[in-house]
Amino acid sequence: MTSRLRSRGGAVLAHLLIFLALSWSGSYAQEKIQLAYSSTDALNAVWNVPKEMGFYRKYGLNADVVYIGSTTISVAAIVAGDVQVGNAAGSGVALAAVRGADLVSVACFINALVYELVVHDSIKSAEDLRGKSIGISRFGSVSDVAARELLKGLGLKPMEDVSVLQIGGASDRAAAFGRGAIAGFPSPPGNVRLTGKLAPYRILVNMADLPKPYALPFICAVTTKSYLAKKRDAVKRTVKALIEGAHYFKSNKEGAQKIIAKYLRGANQAYLEDSYRATAKLMERAPYTTREGMKIQLDQALKQSPGSKVTVDDLIDDSIVRELEKEGFIDSVFGKGS
């Protein structure tokens, strides 16, 4: 009789422990977080791959992943707390930080800017572009940085030799290009294949052809220092999910292309091939934010706010990536030595 009671008691205790474990796991899995990406093209796919493959859920995150079509708007949403972790390039982080925002980049999956300058077919050289205008989304955005660097690579002075106009998203720029309101616009690799009936065009220059790649924290996980202090574990789990997303992207071409096509309407095979090849090559294994690239952006931002005391160390917190590397997480995802 006593042994039977002990057996029952043990079974009850075991069930109770299982129930508590499941309850704890369920509450852990219910942590809500708002994430944002800034483009539907291949470069931002690292944010949507974890959503489609269940990597956010795997790390206990009930993630709402939303599209915000500009670094500058994304930065504003993160600062306001509407988004907890979002994609923002170093240009937007630096500009906001010198004006008092407590933004910090915790991981960066693409640390180089590779854009091309699309121009009307009649423009054969840099001189033909002089006195004309090119279109970007917003000042301070990645397209703005790309436009200025492409012009400088051609030996032209932005705003002096060639005007830079705020036009809006990719479709707005394509429409303005078609009307002749602008002579050209910067575009990520392969994206011009998505514009449909675009006016006759040529690629005047590609940043990949410039003597040195332009270092830029480009596709980065950015949050506020205050959120990182309060919810560091949630940020760490977000970075883990993104690292798994980066590995999936680099190792599963067909699956990655299907996810890109799901989010990018009109993504034809030519675009998928071009963009996948370029993006997979750039995607980081250990997503440290480039300090060289952030310094370039900070130096530019300080010209607008010369009294600011912000440093590169204020803009980057790579402690989570260092931890994940030390703990062997990155090796466990990618394999040692890969």
Protein backbone atom coordinates (compact mmCIF):
# COMPACT_ATOMS: atom_id res chain seq x y z
CA MET A 1 0.00 0.00 0.00
CA THR A 2 2.78 2.41 0.98
CA SER A 3 4.75 1.68 -2.18
CA ARG A 4 1.59 2.24 -4.21
CA LEU A 5 1.05 5.64 -2.59
CA ARG A 6 4.68 6.53 -3.20
CA SER A 7 4.26 5.52 -6.84
CA ARG A 8 1.16 7.67 -7.15
CA GLY A 9 2.87 10.53 -5.37
CA GLY A 10 5.84 10.26 -7.73
CA ALA A 11 3.57 10.26 -10.75
CA VAL A 12 1.69 13.33 -9.48
CA LEU A 13 4.98 15.11 -8.82
CA ALA A 14 6.25 14.21 -12.29
CA HIS A 15 3.07 15.51 -13.91
CA LEU A 16 3.28 18.69 -11.83
CA LEU A 17 6.87 19.27 -12.92
CA ILE A 18 5.93 18.70 -16.56
CA PHE A 19 2.99 21.10 -16.22
CA LEU A 20 5.19 23.77 -14.66
CA ALA A 21 7.81 23.29 -17.34
CA LEU A 22 5.23 23.60 -20.09
CA SER A 23 3.69 26.65 -18.43
CA TRP A 24 7.09 28.33 -18.16
CA SER A 25 7.90 27.43 -21.76
CA GLY A 26 4.56 28.79 -22.94
CA SER A 27 5.01 32.11 -21.16
CA TYR A 28 8.56 32.36 -22.51
CA ALA A 29 7.25 31.70 -26.00
CA GLN A 30 4.63 34.42 -25.65
CA GLU A 31 7.07 37.32 -25.31
CA LYS A 32 5.96 39.87 -27.88
CA ILE A 33 8.37 41.96 -29.86
CA GLN A 34 7.91 44.34 -32.77
CA LEU A 35 10.59 44.05 -35.47
CA ALA A 36 10.97 46.06 -38.67
CA TYR A 37 12.76 45.72 -41.97
CA SER A 38 13.26 48.55 -44.47
CA SER A 39 13.03 46.94 -47.90
CA THR A 40 11.28 44.01 -49.52
CA ASP A 41 14.31 43.13 -51.66
CA ALA A 42 16.86 40.36 -51.12
CA LEU A 43 19.11 42.49 -48.92
CA ASN A 44 16.49 42.55 -46.14
CA ALA A 45 15.46 38.90 -46.45
CA VAL A 46 17.40 38.04 -43.28
CA TRP A 47 14.46 39.56 -41.34
CA ASN A 48 11.75 37.53 -43.08
CA VAL A 49 13.54 34.18 -43.32
CA PRO A 50 13.26 33.64 -39.52
CA LYS A 51 9.56 34.50 -39.70
CA GLU A 52 8.90 32.00 -42.49
CA MET A 53 11.12 29.26 -41.03
CA GLY A 54 9.90 29.64 -37.44
CA PHE A 55 13.23 30.80 -35.98
CA TYR A 56 11.68 33.62 -33.94
CA ARG A 57 9.28 31.14 -32.33
CA LYS A 58 12.17 28.74 -31.79
CA TYR A 59 13.78 31.34 -29.54
CA GLY A 60 10.63 32.21 -27.65
CA LEU A 61 9.58 35.32 -29.53
CA ASN A 62 6.10 36.21 -30.70
CA ALA A 63 7.51 38.53 -33.36
CA ASP A 64 5.46 40.94 -35.40
CA VAL A 65 7.70 41.76 -38.39
CA VAL A 66 6.62 44.91 -40.21
CA TYR A 67 7.81 46.78 -43.27
CA ILE A 68 8.98 50.40 -42.85
CA GLY A 69 10.33 51.63 -46.16
CA SER A 70 13.15 53.96 -45.07
CA THR A 71 16.01 53.94 -42.57
CA THR A 72 15.05 57.41 -41.34
CA ILE A 73 11.43 56.38 -40.61
CA SER A 74 12.58 53.09 -39.08
CA VAL A 75 14.94 54.99 -36.77
CA ALA A 76 12.08 57.25 -35.67
CA ALA A 77 9.91 54.20 -34.90
CA ILE A 78 12.68 52.58 -32.83
CA VAL A 79 13.34 55.80 -30.90
CA ALA A 80 9.60 56.16 -30.22
CA GLY A 81 9.40 52.58 -28.94
CA ASP A 82 6.90 51.52 -31.61
CA VAL A 83 9.54 49.06 -32.83
CA GLN A 84 11.85 47.33 -30.37
CA VAL A 85 14.48 46.05 -32.84
CA GLY A 86 14.60 47.15 -36.46
CA ASN A 87 16.76 47.36 -39.51
CA ALA A 88 18.63 50.65 -39.75
CA ALA A 89 21.81 51.55 -41.56
CA GLY A 90 24.70 53.32 -39.87
CA SER A 91 23.83 56.59 -41.60
CA GLY A 92 20.46 56.79 -39.84
CA VAL A 93 21.86 55.62 -36.50
CA ALA A 94 24.63 58.22 -36.52
CA LEU A 95 22.39 61.11 -37.59
CA ALA A 96 19.86 60.33 -34.86
CA ALA A 97 22.51 59.76 -32.19
CA VAL A 98 24.25 63.10 -32.66
CA ARG A 99 20.85 64.72 -32.13
CA GLY A 100 20.38 62.91 -28.82
CA ALA A 101 18.80 59.52 -29.64
CA ASP A 102 20.10 56.55 -27.62
CA LEU A 103 20.28 54.17 -30.57
CA VAL A 104 22.78 51.33 -30.76
CA SER A 105 23.61 48.72 -33.40
CA VAL A 106 23.84 45.24 -31.83
CA ALA A 107 24.47 43.17 -34.97
CA CYS A 108 25.04 43.78 -38.65
CA PHE A 109 24.54 41.21 -41.40
CA ILE A 110 25.72 43.26 -44.38
CA ASN A 111 28.55 45.73 -43.82
CA ALA A 112 29.09 47.08 -47.31
CA LEU A 113 27.06 49.28 -49.61
CA VAL A 114 26.76 47.95 -53.14
CA TYR A 115 24.48 50.09 -55.30
CA GLU A 116 24.42 51.00 -58.97
CA LEU A 117 23.45 54.27 -60.62
CA VAL A 118 20.62 53.87 -63.13
CA VAL A 119 20.45 56.73 -65.66
CA HIS A 120 18.65 57.55 -68.90
CA ASP A 121 20.18 55.82 -71.88
CA SER A 122 21.15 59.20 -73.34
CA ILE A 123 23.60 59.77 -70.47
CA LYS A 124 26.84 58.19 -71.61
CA SER A 125 29.31 59.75 -69.17
CA ALA A 126 29.65 61.64 -65.89
CA GLU A 127 29.76 64.92 -67.80
CA ASP A 128 26.36 64.17 -69.32
CA LEU A 129 24.96 64.00 -65.77
CA ARG A 130 26.30 67.40 -64.74
CA GLY A 131 23.50 69.94 -64.07
CA LYS A 132 20.84 67.23 -63.76
CA SER A 133 19.08 65.57 -60.80
CA ILE A 134 19.00 62.10 -59.33
CA GLY A 135 16.32 60.80 -56.97
CA ILE A 136 16.57 59.17 -53.54
CA SER A 137 14.00 58.14 -50.94
CA ARG A 138 14.88 60.57 -48.12
CA PHE A 139 17.89 62.54 -46.97
CA GLY A 140 19.90 60.46 -44.51
CA SER A 141 18.66 57.20 -46.02
CA VAL A 142 20.85 54.49 -47.53
CA SER A 143 19.83 55.61 -51.02
CA ASP A 144 21.08 59.10 -50.11
CA VAL A 145 24.46 57.73 -48.99
CA ALA A 146 24.67 55.59 -52.13
CA ALA A 147 23.80 58.53 -54.42
CA ARG A 148 26.49 60.75 -52.94
CA GLU A 149 29.17 58.05 -53.05
CA LEU A 150 28.31 57.11 -56.63
CA LEU A 151 28.52 60.75 -57.70
CA LYS A 152 31.85 61.20 -55.93
CA GLY A 153 33.10 58.03 -57.60
CA LEU A 154 32.30 59.71 -60.93
CA GLY A 155 34.20 62.84 -59.92
CA LEU A 156 31.02 64.88 -59.40
CA LYS A 157 30.05 66.97 -56.37
CA PRO A 158 26.63 66.12 -54.91
CA MET A 159 24.28 69.12 -54.77
CA GLU A 160 26.76 71.26 -56.70
CA ASP A 161 27.31 69.38 -59.95
CA VAL A 162 24.25 67.14 -59.60
CA SER A 163 21.12 67.78 -57.52
CA VAL A 164 19.90 65.09 -55.12
CA LEU A 165 16.11 65.11 -54.70
CA GLN A 166 13.87 63.39 -52.16
CA ILE A 167 11.39 61.42 -54.28
CA GLY A 168 10.15 58.49 -52.19
CA GLY A 169 10.18 54.73 -52.57
CA ALA A 170 11.45 52.69 -55.50
CA SER A 171 8.17 52.91 -57.44
CA ASP A 172 8.06 56.70 -56.98
CA ARG A 173 11.62 57.01 -58.26
CA ALA A 174 10.86 54.80 -61.26
CA ALA A 175 7.82 56.95 -62.07
CA ALA A 176 9.82 60.18 -61.74
CA PHE A 177 12.50 58.65 -63.95
CA GLY A 178 9.90 57.76 -66.57
CA ARG A 179 8.50 61.32 -66.57
CA GLY A 180 11.98 62.76 -66.95
CA ALA A 181 11.76 64.54 -63.58
CA ILE A 182 15.07 62.94 -62.60
CA ALA A 183 17.94 61.75 -64.76
CA GLY A 184 18.75 58.75 -62.60
CA PHE A 185 18.50 57.01 -59.25
CA PRO A 186 20.62 54.64 -57.12
CA SER A 187 19.40 51.06 -57.00
CA PRO A 188 20.48 47.87 -55.22
CA PRO A 189 22.00 45.18 -57.49
CA GLY A 190 19.44 43.66 -59.84
CA ASN A 191 16.52 45.79 -58.63
CA VAL A 192 16.25 47.59 -61.96
CA ARG A 193 14.96 44.28 -63.35
CA LEU A 194 11.85 44.76 -61.21
CA THR A 195 10.78 48.13 -62.54
CA GLY A 196 8.75 46.82 -65.46
CA LYS A 197 8.35 49.28 -68.34
CA LEU A 198 11.14 51.60 -67.32
CA ALA A 199 12.29 54.26 -69.77
CA PRO A 200 15.40 53.21 -71.73
CA TYR A 201 18.26 53.16 -69.22
CA ARG A 202 21.85 52.21 -68.63
CA ILE A 203 23.94 51.47 -65.53
CA LEU A 204 26.41 54.37 -65.45
CA VAL A 205 28.46 53.08 -62.51
CA ASN A 206 28.31 50.23 -59.97
CA MET A 207 29.83 50.66 -56.52
CA ALA A 208 31.34 47.20 -56.86
CA ASP A 209 33.49 48.64 -59.66
CA LEU A 210 34.91 51.42 -57.48
CA PRO A 211 38.51 50.92 -56.23
CA LYS A 212 37.42 50.10 -52.64
CA PRO A 213 34.03 48.81 -51.41
CA TYR A 214 32.22 51.43 -49.37
CA ALA A 215 32.16 50.24 -45.75
CA LEU A 216 28.71 50.82 -44.26
CA PRO A 217 26.71 49.17 -41.47
CA PHE A 218 23.82 48.43 -43.85
CA ILE A 219 21.53 45.57 -42.81
CA CYS A 220 21.74 45.88 -39.04
CA ALA A 221 19.72 45.04 -35.93
CA VAL A 222 19.28 48.34 -34.10
CA THR A 223 17.57 49.07 -30.81
CA THR A 224 17.72 51.68 -28.05
CA LYS A 225 20.16 51.46 -25.18
CA SER A 226 17.24 51.64 -22.75
CA TYR A 227 15.45 48.67 -24.35
CA LEU A 228 18.71 46.70 -24.49
CA ALA A 229 19.27 47.32 -20.77
CA LYS A 230 15.73 46.21 -19.85
CA LYS A 231 15.27 43.38 -22.36
CA ARG A 232 18.74 42.20 -23.24
CA ASP A 233 17.67 38.55 -23.39
CA ALA A 234 14.93 39.34 -25.92
CA VAL A 235 17.45 41.21 -28.08
CA LYS A 236 19.89 38.31 -27.80
CA ARG A 237 17.21 35.84 -28.87
CA THR A 238 16.35 38.11 -31.81
CA VAL A 239 19.99 38.11 -32.92
CA LYS A 240 20.10 34.31 -32.61
CA ALA A 241 17.06 34.00 -34.86
CA LEU A 242 18.60 36.39 -37.39
CA ILE A 243 21.87 34.41 -37.39
CA GLU A 244 19.89 31.25 -38.16
CA GLY A 245 18.15 33.22 -40.90
CA ALA A 246 21.50 34.29 -42.37
CA HIS A 247 22.72 30.69 -42.38
CA TYR A 248 19.55 29.48 -44.07
CA PHE A 249 19.86 32.22 -46.67
CA LYS A 250 23.47 31.39 -47.48
CA SER A 251 23.00 27.62 -47.53
CA ASN A 252 19.56 27.22 -49.13
CA LYS A 253 19.39 29.16 -52.38
CA GLU A 254 16.07 27.80 -53.59
CA GLY A 255 14.35 28.27 -50.23
CA ALA A 256 15.75 31.78 -49.84
CA GLN A 257 14.60 32.76 -53.32
CA LYS A 258 11.08 31.52 -52.57
CA ILE A 259 10.94 33.71 -49.47
CA ILE A 260 12.26 36.73 -51.38
CA ALA A 261 9.63 36.19 -54.08
CA LYS A 262 6.87 35.95 -51.47
CA TYR A 263 7.62 39.43 -50.14
CA LEU A 264 8.71 41.12 -53.35
CA ARG A 265 5.97 41.22 -55.96
CA GLY A 266 7.23 40.89 -59.49
CA ALA A 267 10.49 39.24 -58.47
CA ASN A 268 11.43 37.48 -61.70
CA GLN A 269 14.08 34.78 -62.02
CA ALA A 270 16.68 37.16 -63.42
CA TYR A 271 16.31 39.38 -60.36
CA LEU A 272 16.33 36.42 -57.96
CA GLU A 273 19.57 35.08 -59.45
CA ASP A 274 21.37 38.43 -59.46
CA SER A 275 20.22 39.57 -56.04
CA TYR A 276 20.73 36.22 -54.32
CA ARG A 277 24.30 35.91 -55.60
CA ALA A 278 25.23 39.42 -54.47
CA THR A 279 23.49 39.18 -51.09
CA ALA A 280 24.74 35.71 -50.14
CA LYS A 281 28.29 36.84 -50.84
CA LEU A 282 27.94 39.83 -48.51
CA MET A 283 26.01 38.13 -45.68
CA GLU A 284 28.08 37.96 -42.48
CA ARG A 285 28.66 34.76 -40.51
CA ALA A 286 29.49 36.58 -37.25
CA PRO A 287 27.44 39.79 -37.55
CA TYR A 288 29.71 42.38 -36.01
CA THR A 289 28.95 45.98 -36.96
CA THR A 290 31.81 47.50 -38.94
CA ARG A 291 33.49 50.20 -36.87
CA GLU A 292 35.25 51.61 -39.95
CA GLY A 293 31.91 52.05 -41.67
CA MET A 294 30.24 53.52 -38.59
CA LYS A 295 33.05 56.03 -38.17
CA ILE A 296 32.53 57.23 -41.75
CA GLN A 297 28.85 57.81 -41.02
CA LEU A 298 29.52 59.44 -37.67
CA ASP A 299 32.03 61.85 -39.22
CA GLN A 300 29.38 62.88 -41.74
CA ALA A 301 26.73 63.28 -39.05
CA LEU A 302 29.02 65.39 -36.86
CA LYS A 303 29.27 67.95 -39.67
CA GLN A 304 25.60 68.67 -39.02
CA SER A 305 25.92 68.57 -35.21
CA PRO A 306 29.51 69.65 -34.51
CA GLY A 307 28.90 70.07 -30.78
CA SER A 308 27.99 66.42 -30.26
CA LYS A 309 30.34 64.23 -28.17
CA VAL A 310 29.06 60.94 -29.62
CA THR A 311 31.74 58.35 -30.44
CA VAL A 312 31.70 55.14 -32.45
CA ASP A 313 31.64 53.17 -29.19
CA ASP A 314 28.38 54.93 -28.30
CA LEU A 315 26.79 53.61 -31.50
CA ILE A 316 27.87 49.96 -31.40
CA ASP A 317 27.30 47.31 -28.74
CA ASP A 318 28.75 44.05 -30.03
CA SER A 319 28.63 42.26 -26.65
CA ILE A 320 25.79 39.96 -27.77
CA VAL A 321 27.64 38.81 -30.89
CA ARG A 322 30.81 38.30 -28.82
CA GLU A 323 28.82 36.20 -26.33
CA LEU A 324 27.24 34.08 -29.05
CA GLU A 325 30.65 33.49 -30.60
CA LYS A 326 32.21 32.58 -27.23
CA GLU A 327 29.32 30.29 -26.32
CA GLY A 328 29.76 28.40 -29.61
CA PHE A 329 26.33 29.35 -30.94
CA ILE A 330 27.59 30.67 -34.27
CA ASP A 331 29.72 27.55 -34.81
CA SER A 332 26.72 25.38 -33.94
CA VAL A 333 24.65 27.11 -36.65
CA PHE A 334 27.23 27.49 -39.41
CA GLY A 335 29.63 24.69 -38.47
CA LYS A 336 33.18 25.24 -37.31
CA GLY A 337 35.52 26.76 -39.84
CA SER A 338 32.75 27.42 -42.38
